[in-house]
Amino acid sequence: MQRSHEQLEEAFGAFNRLSEQLSSAYRDLEKRAADLAGELARSRQEKAQLADRLGALIDSLPGGVVVVDGDGLVNDCNATARQWLGDDLNGNDWNAALEAAAGQISDDGRDVSIGDLELTLSRRELEGQSETIFLLTDVSQARRLQAELDRHRRLAAMGEMAARLAHQVRTPLSSAVLYADHLTERSLDTDQRRRFGQRLMARLRDLEQMTRDMLGFVRGGCAVAENVDVAGLIDSVRQTLEPAFRQGRRLRTGAVLPGLVVRGDRRALTGALCNLIENAWQADEAATVRLEVSRSHNGWVDIRVEDDGPGIAAGEADRVFEPFHSGRSDGTGLGLAVARSVAEAHRGQLELLRHAPKGALFSLSLPLHVTAAGREGAARLPGEMA
């Protein structure tokens, strides 16, 4: 009996010790759970604060940030994007919103014009997700400053060559005065009077060309911005050169695909192409010039001017676009420089692809403009979902 009582006491003692251990473990678990709950709350608060800070930081960015899901809908955007593309941007179709706000989108989708703003568009896929981030950057001021810098450089170049220009102007001007003086003589017969009159007009046209080249070089080649149909541009070139055709000059033009449109100054582009063509005729009056237009796969139009004249000497090929550099004694050296400045003002480029031995080949490349009517059949922009 005594032994049973002792065993019972031992059992109760063991039970009490186990209960105390369990109670202590439970209190530890409660404390640990409370600590974890506190850490979780702090973590959530820190994440919320971080999200708020990140949101405020993104909203304060000078560029537009747009997050687009796999269906092409805007999931999120910052304040700048809403300012440029509309307050109701969230939830809308990204491509539709971009096209509705943009006055002009380049064919490759990397340049966007909204009002007076010139924007560049870039994209980045979010790793492991179906979302894409689009970044809109305002480059208006940078482009204005670059244009102003280019203009100052041209003015500086003109200042350096003022003496040479004065000499070049003086020569045809002196000839014009001489021919005009001859025309005042009463003893001239009709044929002599006509011959002096033709020479006078030729010298005056030389002066006019010099003046036009100088003004075009200073302006930089893009005074206005309009939609320019490329086929109509080629027609303008032919009309401008009509007097040269009557003198026996030859120009061959190929067929132009309909619907090719660039954005820029029609008069400046016409003048640039005429400069390239007349440059070939000045080297060889009997040269046949070919004008070909093609559309490249990357959203550019390529206008090539090729002649079968003597070409350009190897030593001159690297300097043909230098202002005031001319291989002719009576040349201003501005024709090709003006043509290149026009190309650059239209965000294009002018290159000499071949200088000899079968004549010169110039390529004027310009970015195509996607009009509202032509977007349906155009290539998709980088921002568009397939």
Foldseek 3Di string as FASTA:
>chain_A
DVVVVVVVVVVVVVVVVVVVVVVVVVVVVVVVVVVVVVVVVVVVVVVVVVVVVVLVVQQPDCKKKFKAALVQFTCDIHPNCCVQQHVPRHGDRNVVSQVVQFPWAFLQRQWTHGPLWIWGKDKDDDPPHRMIMIIIDTCNVVVVVVQVVQLVVLVVVCVVCVVVVVVLLVVLVVLLVVLVVVLVDPPDDPVSNVVSVVSNVVSVVLNVVSVVLSVLSNNLQFPDKDKDWVVVLVVLLCVVCVVLVVVPAAEAEDDDDGPWIAITDSVSQSLLVNLVSVVQCVQPVNKHWYWYWDADPSQKIKIKIWIQGQFDDPVCQVPLLPQQDDPDPSDRSRNNVSSQSNLVVQVWGKHFPDGDDRTTMIIRMHTTIQHPVRPVVRDDHPSDND
